[in-house]
């Protein structure tokens, strides 16, 4: 479902603010409202989505985040692959770093 209320509010606000030419104000307000509805002004996150790294949705509870992190870190922890090939161990170390960074980021965002 697409959002529409930004367009409506922009149309009304533009028409009221530019009383000398309400049609032009409504058009400008409509364009700005469309930009807000389309998330053109949304601040982008720095880096990848930490929830995607854990295979979760942003609506996941704290308990689900903890379970997913523990399950994945147990699978990819480098100490579990002690006798494995060096390239496999390096891949596991990189994935474990990614999981740790994602978990720390989620915990930081939820603490705020």
Protein backbone atom coordinates (compact mmCIF):
# COMPACT_ATOMS: atom_id res chain seq x y z
CA UNK A 1 0.00 0.00 0.00
CA UNK A 2 1.39 3.36 -0.95
CA UNK A 3 1.31 6.36 1.29
CA UNK A 4 -0.82 9.31 0.32
CA UNK A 5 -1.04 11.61 3.32
CA UNK A 6 2.17 13.48 2.49
CA UNK A 7 0.71 14.53 -0.83
CA UNK A 8 -2.52 15.69 0.79
CA UNK A 9 -0.77 17.65 3.54
CA UNK A 10 1.67 19.15 1.04
CA UNK A 11 -1.18 20.19 -1.25
CA UNK A 12 -3.04 21.95 1.57
CA UNK A 13 0.05 23.54 3.13
CA UNK A 14 1.34 24.76 -0.24
CA UNK A 15 -1.99 26.31 -1.16
CA UNK A 16 -2.22 28.06 2.22
CA UNK A 17 1.38 29.28 2.28
CA UNK A 18 1.32 30.74 -1.23
CA UNK A 19 -1.97 32.60 -1.00
CA UNK A 20 -1.04 34.92 -3.88
CA UNK A 21 -1.02 31.91 -6.22
CA UNK A 22 -2.69 28.94 -4.52
CA UNK A 23 -2.48 26.72 -7.62
CA UNK A 24 1.30 27.08 -7.80
CA UNK A 25 1.58 26.54 -4.03
CA UNK A 26 -0.60 23.43 -4.24
CA UNK A 27 1.54 22.05 -7.05
CA UNK A 28 4.78 22.67 -5.15
CA UNK A 29 3.28 21.21 -1.97
CA UNK A 30 2.08 18.17 -3.89
CA UNK A 31 5.57 17.57 -5.27
CA UNK A 32 7.18 17.90 -1.85
CA UNK A 33 4.53 15.63 -0.34
CA UNK A 34 5.20 13.04 -3.02
CA UNK A 35 8.92 13.19 -2.23
CA UNK A 36 8.21 12.49 1.43
CA UNK A 37 5.82 9.65 0.58
CA UNK A 38 8.44 8.08 -1.69
CA UNK A 39 11.12 8.35 1.05
CA UNK A 40 13.39 10.60 -0.97
CA UNK A 41 14.42 12.44 2.19
CA UNK A 42 14.90 9.33 4.31
CA UNK A 43 18.27 9.06 5.95
CA UNK A 44 20.03 5.96 4.74
CA UNK A 45 21.80 3.63 7.12
CA UNK A 46 25.53 3.45 7.06
CA UNK A 47 26.42 -0.06 6.04
CA UNK A 48 24.38 -3.19 5.51
CA UNK A 49 21.20 -4.11 7.33
CA UNK A 50 22.21 -5.88 10.58
CA UNK A 51 18.93 -7.80 10.70
CA UNK A 52 19.59 -9.34 7.28
CA UNK A 53 22.96 -10.63 8.50
CA UNK A 54 21.14 -12.59 11.20
CA UNK A 55 18.35 -13.63 8.85
CA UNK A 56 15.70 -11.69 10.77
CA UNK A 57 13.07 -9.05 10.18
CA UNK A 58 13.29 -5.66 11.90
CA UNK A 59 10.18 -6.56 13.91
CA UNK A 60 11.97 -9.49 15.59
CA UNK A 61 11.89 -9.50 19.38
CA UNK A 62 15.00 -9.32 21.54
CA UNK A 63 14.61 -13.00 22.34
CA UNK A 64 14.53 -13.92 18.64
CA UNK A 65 17.62 -11.79 17.98
CA UNK A 66 19.52 -13.53 20.79
CA UNK A 67 18.50 -17.01 19.59
CA UNK A 68 19.46 -16.30 15.98
CA UNK A 69 22.81 -14.83 17.02
CA UNK A 70 23.67 -17.77 19.28
CA UNK A 71 22.64 -20.31 16.65
CA UNK A 72 24.69 -18.67 13.89
CA UNK A 73 27.76 -17.88 15.97
CA UNK A 74 27.87 -21.50 17.16
CA UNK A 75 27.80 -22.59 13.53
CA UNK A 76 30.45 -20.16 12.25
CA UNK A 77 32.76 -19.76 15.25
CA UNK A 78 36.37 -20.32 14.10
CA UNK A 79 37.19 -22.55 17.09
CA UNK A 80 34.63 -25.09 15.87
CA UNK A 81 36.58 -25.42 12.61
CA UNK A 82 39.99 -26.10 14.11
CA UNK A 83 40.97 -28.90 11.70
CA UNK A 84 39.30 -27.43 8.61
CA UNK A 85 41.01 -26.09 5.52
CA UNK A 86 42.56 -22.61 5.92
CA UNK A 87 40.25 -20.95 3.38
CA UNK A 88 37.18 -22.42 5.09
CA UNK A 89 38.47 -21.17 8.43
CA UNK A 90 39.01 -17.68 6.99
CA UNK A 91 35.47 -17.63 5.62
CA UNK A 92 34.14 -18.66 9.03
CA UNK A 93 36.17 -15.92 10.73
CA UNK A 94 34.81 -13.31 8.33
CA UNK A 95 31.23 -14.50 8.87
CA UNK A 96 31.72 -14.52 12.66
CA UNK A 97 32.99 -10.91 12.50
CA UNK A 98 29.96 -9.97 10.43
CA UNK A 99 27.60 -11.65 12.91
CA UNK A 100 29.26 -9.96 15.89
CA UNK A 101 29.08 -6.55 14.21
CA UNK A 102 25.41 -7.05 13.31
CA UNK A 103 24.50 -8.20 16.83
CA UNK A 104 26.35 -5.27 18.42
CA UNK A 105 24.64 -2.83 16.04
CA UNK A 106 21.17 -4.23 16.81
CA UNK A 107 21.81 -4.06 20.56
CA UNK A 108 23.04 -0.47 20.24
CA UNK A 109 20.04 0.59 18.17
CA UNK A 110 17.60 -1.02 20.60
CA UNK A 111 19.27 0.53 23.63
CA UNK A 112 18.69 4.04 22.28
